[in-house]
Every structure is written in C-alpha cells, then in structure tokens.
C-alpha atoms as a PDB file:
ATOM      1  CA  MET A   1    -140.636 159.908-118.135  1.00  0.00           C
ATOM      2  CA  ASP A   2    -142.653 161.267-115.340  1.00  0.00           C
ATOM      3  CA  GLU A   3    -142.478 157.853-113.828  1.00  0.00           C
ATOM      4  CA  VAL A   4    -138.460 158.249-113.925  1.00  0.00           C
ATOM      5  CA  GLU A   5    -136.812 158.651-110.110  1.00  0.00           C
ATOM      6  CA  ILE A   6    -133.675 160.704-109.808  1.00  0.00           C
ATOM      7  CA  ARG A   7    -131.633 159.411-106.572  1.00  0.00           C
ATOM      8  CA  ARG A   8    -128.795 159.259-104.945  1.00  0.00           C
ATOM      9  CA  ALA A   9    -127.255 156.097-105.819  1.00  0.00           C
ATOM     10  CA  THR A  10    -127.004 152.913-103.654  1.00  0.00           C
ATOM     11  CA  THR A  11    -125.140 149.531-104.028  1.00  0.00           C
ATOM     12  CA  ALA A  12    -128.181 147.732-105.990  1.00  0.00           C
ATOM     13  CA  ASP A  13    -127.720 150.649-108.781  1.00  0.00           C
ATOM     14  CA  LEU A  14    -124.009 150.461-109.265  1.00  0.00           C
ATOM     15  CA  ALA A  15    -123.999 147.591-112.042  1.00  0.00           C
ATOM     16  CA  GLY A  16    -126.458 149.768-113.817  1.00  0.00           C
ATOM     17  CA  ALA A  17    -124.546 152.897-113.401  1.00  0.00           C
ATOM     18  CA  VAL A  18    -121.690 151.084-114.902  1.00  0.00           C
ATOM     19  CA  ALA A  19    -123.696 149.605-117.715  1.00  0.00           C
ATOM     20  CA  CYS A  20    -125.155 153.477-118.635  1.00  0.00           C
ATOM     21  CA  MET A  21    -121.648 154.881-118.413  1.00  0.00           C
ATOM     22  CA  ARG A  22    -119.986 151.948-120.669  1.00  0.00           C
ATOM     23  CA  GLU A  23    -122.537 152.668-123.470  1.00  0.00           C
ATOM     24  CA  VAL A  24    -122.211 156.062-123.428  1.00  0.00           C
ATOM     25  CA  LEU A  25    -118.011 155.997-123.303  1.00  0.00           C
ATOM     26  CA  GLU A  26    -118.128 153.837-126.634  1.00  0.00           C
ATOM     27  CA  ARG A  27    -120.646 155.771-128.201  1.00  0.00           C
ATOM     28  CA  ASP A  28    -119.739 159.113-128.065  1.00  0.00           C
ATOM     29  CA  MET A  29    -116.136 159.326-126.652  1.00  0.00           C
ATOM     30  CA  GLY A  30    -113.921 156.674-128.094  1.00  0.00           C
ATOM     31  CA  GLY A  31    -114.365 153.985-125.468  1.00  0.00           C
ATOM     32  CA  TYR A  32    -112.857 153.784-121.665  1.00  0.00           C
ATOM     33  CA  GLN A  33    -109.453 155.202-121.173  1.00  0.00           C
ATOM     34  CA  GLU A  34    -108.064 154.251-117.880  1.00  0.00           C
ATOM     35  CA  ARG A  35    -106.237 157.500-117.250  1.00  0.00           C
ATOM     36  CA  TRP A  36    -109.604 159.445-117.479  1.00  0.00           C
ATOM     37  CA  HIS A  37    -111.970 156.841-116.394  1.00  0.00           C
ATOM     38  CA  ARG A  38    -110.730 154.508-113.412  1.00  0.00           C
ATOM     39  CA  ASP A  39    -113.490 155.906-111.213  1.00  0.00           C
ATOM     40  CA  ILE A  40    -116.069 153.530-113.346  1.00  0.00           C
ATOM     41  CA  ASP A  41    -114.092 150.609-112.076  1.00  0.00           C
ATOM     42  CA  ASP A  42    -114.643 150.791-108.701  1.00  0.00           C
ATOM     43  CA  LEU A  43    -118.268 153.351-107.972  1.00  0.00           C
ATOM     44  CA  ALA A  44    -118.564 151.953-104.406  1.00  0.00           C
ATOM     45  CA  ALA A  45    -115.005 153.450-104.004  1.00  0.00           C
ATOM     46  CA  THR A  46    -115.417 156.052-105.402  1.00  0.00           C
ATOM     47  CA  TYR A  47    -118.951 157.632-104.678  1.00  0.00           C
ATOM     48  CA  LEU A  48    -120.385 155.461-101.976  1.00  0.00           C
ATOM     49  CA  HIS A  49    -117.392 155.173 -99.262  1.00  0.00           C
ATOM     50  CA  ASP A  50    -115.875 158.411 -99.454  1.00  0.00           C
ATOM     51  CA  PRO A  51    -118.426 160.943 -97.569  1.00  0.00           C
ATOM     52  CA  ARG A  52    -117.141 163.975 -99.678  1.00  0.00           C
ATOM     53  CA  ALA A  53    -118.463 161.968-102.959  1.00  0.00           C
ATOM     54  CA  ALA A  54    -121.905 161.105-104.032  1.00  0.00           C
ATOM     55  CA  LEU A  55    -123.166 159.231-107.154  1.00  0.00           C
ATOM     56  CA  PHE A  56    -126.663 160.182-108.736  1.00  0.00           C
ATOM     57  CA  VAL A  57    -129.033 158.178-111.380  1.00  0.00           C
ATOM     58  CA  ALA A  58    -132.036 158.355-113.086  1.00  0.00           C
ATOM     59  CA  VAL A  59    -133.871 155.110-112.928  1.00  0.00           C
ATOM     60  CA  GLU A  60    -136.969 153.922-114.985  1.00  0.00           C
ATOM     61  CA  PRO A  61    -138.636 151.349-112.829  1.00  0.00           C
ATOM     62  CA  GLY A  62    -138.747 147.421-114.067  1.00  0.00           C
ATOM     63  CA  SER A  63    -140.860 144.996-113.991  1.00  0.00           C
ATOM     64  CA  PRO A  64    -141.942 143.592-110.546  1.00  0.00           C
ATOM     65  CA  ASP A  65    -139.486 140.760-111.010  1.00  0.00           C
ATOM     66  CA  GLY A  66    -136.735 143.155-112.826  1.00  0.00           C
ATOM     67  CA  ASP A  67    -134.017 145.321-111.864  1.00  0.00           C
ATOM     68  CA  ASP A  68    -134.435 149.217-112.474  1.00  0.00           C
ATOM     69  CA  ARG A  69    -132.823 150.669-115.740  1.00  0.00           C
ATOM     70  CA  VAL A  70    -130.469 153.187-114.993  1.00  0.00           C
ATOM     71  CA  LEU A  71    -130.888 155.936-118.035  1.00  0.00           C
ATOM     72  CA  ALA A  72    -128.580 158.385-116.800  1.00  0.00           C
ATOM     73  CA  THR A  73    -125.839 159.658-114.052  1.00  0.00           C
ATOM     74  CA  THR A  74    -123.866 162.121-112.307  1.00  0.00           C
ATOM     75  CA  ALA A  75    -121.629 162.268-109.951  1.00  0.00           C
ATOM     76  CA  VAL A  76    -119.408 164.668-107.486  1.00  0.00           C
ATOM     77  CA  ARG A  77    -116.491 164.187-105.988  1.00  0.00           C
ATOM     78  CA  PRO A  78    -113.745 166.316-104.580  1.00  0.00           C
ATOM     79  CA  CYS A  79    -111.781 168.197-107.110  1.00  0.00           C
ATOM     80  CA  ARG A  80    -108.572 167.248-108.406  1.00  0.00           C
ATOM     81  CA  LEU A  81    -107.331 168.574-111.456  1.00  0.00           C
ATOM     82  CA  ALA A  82    -103.879 167.381-113.015  1.00  0.00           C
ATOM     83  CA  THR A  83    -101.238 169.323-114.380  1.00  0.00           C
ATOM     84  CA  PRO A  84    -100.617 169.056-117.520  1.00  0.00           C
ATOM     85  CA  PRO A  85    -103.169 168.574-119.256  1.00  0.00           C
ATOM     86  CA  ASN A  86    -104.502 171.378-117.397  1.00  0.00           C
ATOM     87  CA  PRO A  87    -102.884 174.520-116.937  1.00  0.00           C
ATOM     88  CA  PRO A  88    -100.753 175.286-113.394  1.00  0.00           C
ATOM     89  CA  TRP A  89    -103.557 178.243-112.323  1.00  0.00           C
ATOM     90  CA  LEU A  90    -106.503 176.319-112.949  1.00  0.00           C
ATOM     91  CA  SER A  91    -105.318 173.280-110.716  1.00  0.00           C
ATOM     92  CA  ALA A  92    -104.532 175.742-108.310  1.00  0.00           C
ATOM     93  CA  ARG A  93    -107.712 177.614-108.193  1.00  0.00           C
ATOM     94  CA  TYR A  94    -110.077 174.789-108.075  1.00  0.00           C
ATOM     95  CA  ASN A  95    -107.853 171.555-106.479  1.00  0.00           C
ATOM     96  CA  ARG A  96    -109.198 173.033-102.828  1.00  0.00           C
ATOM     97  CA  PRO A  97    -111.205 171.651-100.164  1.00  0.00           C
ATOM     98  CA  GLU A  98    -114.052 173.609-100.810  1.00  0.00           C
ATOM     99  CA  VAL A  99    -114.130 172.613-104.245  1.00  0.00           C
ATOM    100  CA  CYS A 100    -115.871 169.838-106.055  1.00  0.00           C
ATOM    101  CA  GLN A 101    -116.063 168.530-109.596  1.00  0.00           C
ATOM    102  CA  LEU A 102    -119.325 167.094-111.391  1.00  0.00           C
ATOM    103  CA  VAL A 103    -118.440 164.439-113.300  1.00  0.00           C
ATOM    104  CA  ARG A 104    -120.190 161.352-115.186  1.00  0.00           C
ATOM    105  CA  VAL A 105    -123.189 163.648-116.357  1.00  0.00           C
ATOM    106  CA  TRP A 106    -123.783 160.806-119.140  1.00  0.00           C
ATOM    107  CA  VAL A 107    -127.331 159.822-120.333  1.00  0.00           C
ATOM    108  CA  ARG A 108    -128.059 156.897-122.576  1.00  0.00           C
ATOM    109  CA  PRO A 109    -128.919 157.732-126.319  1.00  0.00           C
ATOM    110  CA  GLU A 110    -132.720 156.700-126.055  1.00  0.00           C
ATOM    111  CA  ALA A 111    -133.288 158.879-122.827  1.00  0.00           C
ATOM    112  CA  ARG A 112    -132.010 162.573-124.241  1.00  0.00           C
ATOM    113  CA  ARG A 113    -133.950 165.405-124.569  1.00  0.00           C
ATOM    114  CA  ARG A 114    -136.388 164.599-121.612  1.00  0.00           C
ATOM    115  CA  GLY A 115    -134.565 166.706-119.118  1.00  0.00           C
ATOM    116  CA  LEU A 116    -133.081 163.859-116.941  1.00  0.00           C
ATOM    117  CA  ALA A 117    -129.402 165.623-117.442  1.00  0.00           C
ATOM    118  CA  ARG A 118    -130.543 169.078-116.121  1.00  0.00           C
ATOM    119  CA  ARG A 119    -132.423 167.432-113.044  1.00  0.00           C
ATOM    120  CA  LEU A 120    -129.326 165.199-111.930  1.00  0.00           C
ATOM    121  CA  VAL A 121    -127.157 168.283-111.963  1.00  0.00           C
ATOM    122  CA  ALA A 122    -129.522 170.044-109.982  1.00  0.00           C
ATOM    123  CA  GLU A 123    -129.723 167.105-107.500  1.00  0.00           C
ATOM    124  CA  ALA A 124    -126.020 166.446-107.145  1.00  0.00           C
ATOM    125  CA  THR A 125    -125.408 170.565-106.978  1.00  0.00           C
ATOM    126  CA  ALA A 126    -127.759 170.524-104.134  1.00  0.00           C
ATOM    127  CA  TRP A 127    -125.963 168.113-102.328  1.00  0.00           C
ATOM    128  CA  ALA A 128    -122.694 169.114-103.252  1.00  0.00           C
ATOM    129  CA  VAL A 129    -123.319 172.788-101.549  1.00  0.00           C
ATOM    130  CA  GLY A 130    -125.378 170.846 -99.232  1.00  0.00           C
ATOM    131  CA  ALA A 131    -124.404 167.786 -97.253  1.00  0.00           C
ATOM    132  CA  GLY A 132    -121.359 167.919 -99.128  1.00  0.00           C
ATOM    133  CA  GLY A 133    -120.197 170.702 -97.776  1.00  0.00           C
ATOM    134  CA  TYR A 134    -118.457 172.507-100.661  1.00  0.00           C
ATOM    135  CA  GLU A 135    -118.983 175.889-101.990  1.00  0.00           C
ATOM    136  CA  THR A 136    -117.793 175.907-105.519  1.00  0.00           C
ATOM    137  CA  VAL A 137    -119.067 173.342-108.216  1.00  0.00           C
ATOM    138  CA  TYR A 138    -116.205 172.764-111.293  1.00  0.00           C
ATOM    139  CA  LEU A 139    -116.804 170.915-114.078  1.00  0.00           C
ATOM    140  CA  HIS A 140    -115.350 170.804-117.581  1.00  0.00           C
ATOM    141  CA  THR A 141    -116.349 169.118-120.889  1.00  0.00           C
ATOM    142  CA  ASP A 142    -115.711 167.888-124.099  1.00  0.00           C
ATOM    143  CA  ALA A 143    -116.930 170.313-126.829  1.00  0.00           C
ATOM    144  CA  GLY A 144    -116.769 167.604-129.450  1.00  0.00           C
ATOM    145  CA  VAL A 145    -119.069 165.374-127.905  1.00  0.00           C
ATOM    146  CA  PRO A 146    -122.299 166.455-129.841  1.00  0.00           C
ATOM    147  CA  GLY A 147    -124.454 168.533-127.753  1.00  0.00           C
ATOM    148  CA  ALA A 148    -122.039 168.581-124.857  1.00  0.00           C
ATOM    149  CA  GLU A 149    -121.227 172.286-125.119  1.00  0.00           C
ATOM    150  CA  ALA A 150    -124.577 173.581-126.052  1.00  0.00           C
ATOM    151  CA  PHE A 151    -125.901 171.931-122.658  1.00  0.00           C
ATOM    152  CA  TRP A 152    -123.666 173.353-120.314  1.00  0.00           C
ATOM    153  CA  ARG A 153    -124.326 176.544-122.225  1.00  0.00           C
ATOM    154  CA  SER A 154    -127.935 176.205-121.646  1.00  0.00           C
ATOM    155  CA  MET A 155    -127.632 175.724-117.960  1.00  0.00           C
ATOM    156  CA  PRO A 156    -126.577 178.377-115.202  1.00  0.00           C
ATOM    157  CA  THR A 157    -122.682 178.095-115.637  1.00  0.00           C
ATOM    158  CA  LEU A 158    -119.860 181.004-115.676  1.00  0.00           C
ATOM    159  CA  GLU A 159    -116.985 179.759-118.308  1.00  0.00           C
ATOM    160  CA  VAL A 160    -113.710 179.551-116.764  1.00  0.00           C
ATOM    161  CA  LEU A 161    -111.386 178.563-119.667  1.00  0.00           C
ATOM    162  CA  ASP A 162    -111.839 177.365-123.346  1.00  0.00           C
ATOM    163  CA  THR A 163    -108.834 175.711-124.112  1.00  0.00           C
ATOM    164  CA  ARG A 164    -109.755 174.850-127.692  1.00  0.00           C
ATOM    165  CA  PRO A 165    -107.851 173.773-130.150  1.00  0.00           C
ATOM    166  CA  ASP A 166    -106.642 171.291-127.347  1.00  0.00           C
ATOM    167  CA  PRO A 167    -106.892 167.696-128.353  1.00  0.00           C
ATOM    168  CA  PHE A 168    -109.653 167.313-125.811  1.00  0.00           C
ATOM    169  CA  ASN A 169    -111.647 170.309-126.541  1.00  0.00           C
ATOM    170  CA  THR A 170    -112.225 171.338-123.282  1.00  0.00           C
ATOM    171  CA  VAL A 171    -114.242 174.005-122.024  1.00  0.00           C
ATOM    172  CA  HIS A 172    -114.137 174.530-118.441  1.00  0.00           C
ATOM    173  CA  PHE A 173    -117.167 175.935-116.266  1.00  0.00           C
ATOM    174  CA  GLU A 174    -118.341 176.846-112.565  1.00  0.00           C
ATOM    175  CA  ILE A 175    -122.172 176.020-111.964  1.00  0.00           C
ATOM    176  CA  ASP A 176    -123.832 179.623-110.859  1.00  0.00           C
ATOM    177  CA  VAL A 177    -125.230 177.726-107.759  1.00  0.00           C
ATOM    178  CA  ALA A 178    -127.583 180.494-106.432  1.00  0.00           C
ATOM    179  CA  GLU A 179    -129.528 180.745-110.137  1.00  0.00           C
ATOM    180  CA  LEU A 180    -129.591 176.867-110.280  1.00  0.00           C
ATOM    181  CA  SER A 181    -131.270 176.812-107.160  1.00  0.00           C
ATOM    182  CA  ARG A 182    -133.802 179.602-107.938  1.00  0.00           C
ATOM    183  CA  GLN A 183    -134.519 177.626-111.351  1.00  0.00           C
ATOM    184  CA  SER A 184    -135.043 174.740-109.577  1.00  0.00           C
ATOM    185  CA  LEU A 185    -137.394 176.192-107.117  1.00  0.00           C
ATOM    186  CA  ARG A 186    -139.692 177.991-110.174  1.00  0.00           C
ATOM    187  CA  GLN A 187    -139.587 174.258-111.496  1.00  0.00           C
ATOM    188  CA  ALA A 188    -140.926 172.705-108.622  1.00  0.00           C
ATOM    189  CA  GLY A 189    -143.334 175.313-107.721  1.00  0.00           C
ATOM    190  CA  ALA A 190    -144.392 175.028-111.623  1.00  0.00           C
ATOM    191  CA  GLY A 191    -145.002 171.132-110.941  1.00  0.00           C
ATOM    192  CA  ARG A 192    -147.325 171.848-108.030  1.00  0.00           C
ATOM    193  CA  LEU A 193    -149.246 174.446-109.502  1.00  0.00           C
ATOM    194  CA  GLY A 194    -149.635 171.736-112.619  1.00  0.00           C
ATOM    195  CA  ALA A 195    -150.859 169.002-110.085  1.00  0.00           C
ATOM    196  CA  VAL A 196    -153.059 170.956-108.531  1.00  0.00           C
ATOM    197  CA  ALA A 197    -154.571 172.179-111.795  1.00  0.00           C
ATOM    198  CA  GLY A 198    -155.071 168.596-112.768  1.00  0.00           C
ATOM    199  CA  ARG A 199    -156.749 167.388-109.888  1.00  0.00           C
ATOM    200  CA  ARG A 200    -159.512 170.055-110.500  1.00  0.00           C
END
C-alpha cells in the first residue's frame, strides 16, 4: 500500500470515485438513496466546481496503459444539516459559514485496515481549515455500519450527540483539528526517520 497516493480528486478520478462509493453503498449501507446520496450523481458540480468543497481519493496506480483504481474517498462540503431528521439546535449550531461537513469516508472492502481512511481524513481536514477557510469540521456516522463508530472513536474526535436508537443509528462528532494536526506531524516525522534509517 506504500504506492497508494492520497490526492485531491480531478475530473479524471470521478468515474473511479463513483464506482468506489456505489460499491460501499451496496455492500454496507443498503444501497443508494437519492435523499442522502444525490451528490454522487454529479461529483463535479458538488466537489470540483464549488470553491468551498473538495473530494479526496486514495488511488492505486494502474498499468501503464490502464486507469488508476480509486480505493477510498473522502469529501468536504459546506454543512447543511436538514431538520428533521436532525434536531433544530444541531442544525443551528453547524449550518454556519465557518463549519464544513466531512462526508463519503468510504473504503473498498479489500483496501480496509490499511490506514487509508485515516490518511484521507487528515488530508481533507488540513484542506478544510487551510484553503477551504473553515474553522470547524463536523461529521456524523451510521453506527450500524460495522467498524464505523469504532473508527471515528479511534480518531481525535469529540462526540456531540448520540441519537440512538433513532432509525439511522446516528452519532455526531467534531474533529479535534489541533490534535489531528499534531498526530499527522508526528506520523510524518516518523516516516522521514524510517526512510533515513532504511538508507543506511
């Protein structure tokens, strides 16, 4: 997996990103639902043409004559929580210009447990509070999806609301941006030290 590249998506990545997203939807989340997943129908309009949105992909290089394969995705967009199903106070707290939502943190089954989601979340969060101009990074997860809640609780997150037993098994979080940045710096430093040691 060392050769997997984490990058901001371009037009060339969109077909692979859609394929990855639809695979995860069908396998883990009961399939596509227009109410919640309509951004997948036009990723370019949602994430490439909006200066306050971005899509990130983990890409495995293909053959010299073939396309790269998208193994995982993560996206950032302005926060626009609907009420219902979200309580009014939650929408009021996060539907603000300085808040973005982290979405589509999805990894193909064969690429899981290899750190790709963590790398994507770090990259997307760094963009959000840098070039994106946001101050707060919000997300929610369906705790009924195997591994989803455990993943987010293993990250530097702050729980905001656990709405279970609602029909969607929703847990709401904020990213602890400062701690995630510190962790990313430590990991980058360890990687550089490992590279130096490997050359000796």
